[in-house]
Amino acid sequence: MPDQNAEPDPVPLPITGELDLHTFRPADLGELIPAYLDECAARGIFEVRIVHGKGTGTLRTTVHALLRRCPRVKSFRLGDEHSGSWGATVVTLSR
């Protein structure tokens, strides 16, 4: 009988340059975002779109705080009308 309290096995995350946070817990973002950005850079992807949704802005604020602390991030901005408006953040990574 499986342990009901055991953590589920990690699910491989495709590295496409777009990270949709709707399926993740906020508590996971501190590890998830820097690791995803590192993998993107390792694969030659230097512009990444992070989808956090519009909502109340709490998730966006958390994402931006994490990006400010990430040394790999060159700059970031909210999306435009073609990239998700204020429901997404476009990140430029250092090469």
Protein backbone atom coordinates (compact mmCIF):
# COMPACT_ATOMS: atom_id res chain seq x y z
CA MET A 1 0.00 0.00 0.00
CA PRO A 2 1.52 3.38 -1.01
CA ASP A 3 2.37 5.91 1.67
CA GLN A 4 -0.37 8.60 1.55
CA ASN A 5 2.05 11.23 2.93
CA ALA A 6 4.90 10.54 0.53
CA GLU A 7 5.91 13.29 -1.87
CA PRO A 8 4.96 12.50 -5.46
CA ASP A 9 7.76 11.76 -7.91
CA PRO A 10 8.95 14.86 -9.76
CA VAL A 11 7.43 15.41 -13.17
CA PRO A 12 9.89 16.40 -15.90
CA LEU A 13 9.30 19.98 -16.98
CA PRO A 14 9.84 20.79 -20.65
CA ILE A 15 12.34 23.62 -21.15
CA THR A 16 10.68 25.74 -23.83
CA GLY A 17 11.29 29.30 -22.68
CA GLU A 18 7.79 29.56 -21.24
CA LEU A 19 7.01 28.71 -17.64
CA ASP A 20 3.33 28.65 -16.65
CA LEU A 21 3.07 28.89 -12.88
CA HIS A 22 -0.62 28.00 -12.65
CA THR A 23 0.17 24.36 -11.83
CA PHE A 24 2.75 25.07 -9.11
CA ARG A 25 2.45 25.87 -5.43
CA PRO A 26 3.77 29.31 -4.43
CA ALA A 27 6.09 27.59 -1.93
CA ASP A 28 7.89 25.89 -4.86
CA LEU A 29 8.74 29.08 -6.75
CA GLY A 30 11.92 29.91 -4.82
CA GLU A 31 13.59 26.79 -6.22
CA LEU A 32 11.61 26.41 -9.44
CA ILE A 33 12.22 29.77 -11.08
CA PRO A 34 16.03 29.97 -10.65
CA ALA A 35 16.41 26.31 -11.71
CA TYR A 36 14.22 26.85 -14.79
CA LEU A 37 16.16 29.98 -15.79
CA ASP A 38 19.46 28.10 -15.37
CA GLU A 39 18.19 25.30 -17.64
CA CYS A 40 17.00 27.80 -20.25
CA ALA A 41 20.39 29.53 -20.31
CA ALA A 42 22.17 26.16 -20.56
CA ARG A 43 20.07 25.43 -23.67
CA GLY A 44 20.70 28.81 -25.26
CA ILE A 45 17.29 30.28 -24.42
CA PHE A 46 17.90 33.84 -23.20
CA GLU A 47 14.36 35.23 -23.29
CA VAL A 48 11.86 33.50 -21.03
CA ARG A 49 8.17 34.18 -20.52
CA ILE A 50 6.83 33.46 -17.04
CA VAL A 51 3.03 33.25 -16.88
CA HIS A 52 1.77 34.17 -13.43
CA GLY A 53 -1.74 35.35 -14.29
CA LYS A 54 -3.40 38.65 -13.55
CA GLY A 55 -5.33 37.84 -10.37
CA THR A 56 -4.61 39.97 -7.32
CA GLY A 57 -0.97 40.55 -8.23
CA THR A 58 0.44 38.58 -5.30
CA LEU A 59 2.05 35.93 -7.49
CA ARG A 60 3.45 38.59 -9.86
CA THR A 61 4.99 40.41 -6.89
CA THR A 62 6.58 37.17 -5.67
CA VAL A 63 7.96 36.38 -9.14
CA HIS A 64 9.46 39.86 -9.52
CA ALA A 65 11.08 39.67 -6.07
CA LEU A 66 12.68 36.34 -7.02
CA LEU A 67 13.88 37.73 -10.35
CA ARG A 68 15.53 40.72 -8.64
CA ARG A 69 17.62 38.30 -6.56
CA CYS A 70 18.60 36.01 -9.44
CA PRO A 71 22.09 36.89 -10.75
CA ARG A 72 21.34 35.31 -14.15
CA VAL A 73 18.55 37.85 -14.85
CA LYS A 74 19.67 40.79 -16.96
CA SER A 75 16.23 42.46 -17.00
CA PHE A 76 12.52 41.74 -16.85
CA ARG A 77 9.29 43.50 -17.78
CA LEU A 78 5.59 42.81 -17.93
CA GLY A 79 4.35 41.31 -21.16
CA ASP A 80 2.88 43.41 -23.93
CA GLU A 81 -0.36 42.80 -25.82
CA HIS A 82 1.30 39.90 -27.67
CA SER A 83 2.97 38.20 -24.71
CA GLY A 84 0.37 38.14 -21.97
CA SER A 85 0.02 41.74 -20.81
CA TRP A 86 0.35 42.08 -17.04
CA GLY A 87 -0.41 38.37 -16.60
CA ALA A 88 3.11 37.44 -17.75
CA THR A 89 6.65 38.63 -17.22
CA VAL A 90 9.28 38.51 -19.97
CA VAL A 91 12.76 37.85 -18.61
CA THR A 92 16.05 38.51 -20.42
CA LEU A 93 18.92 36.37 -19.18
CA SER A 94 22.60 37.23 -19.23
CA ARG A 95 24.61 35.28 -21.78
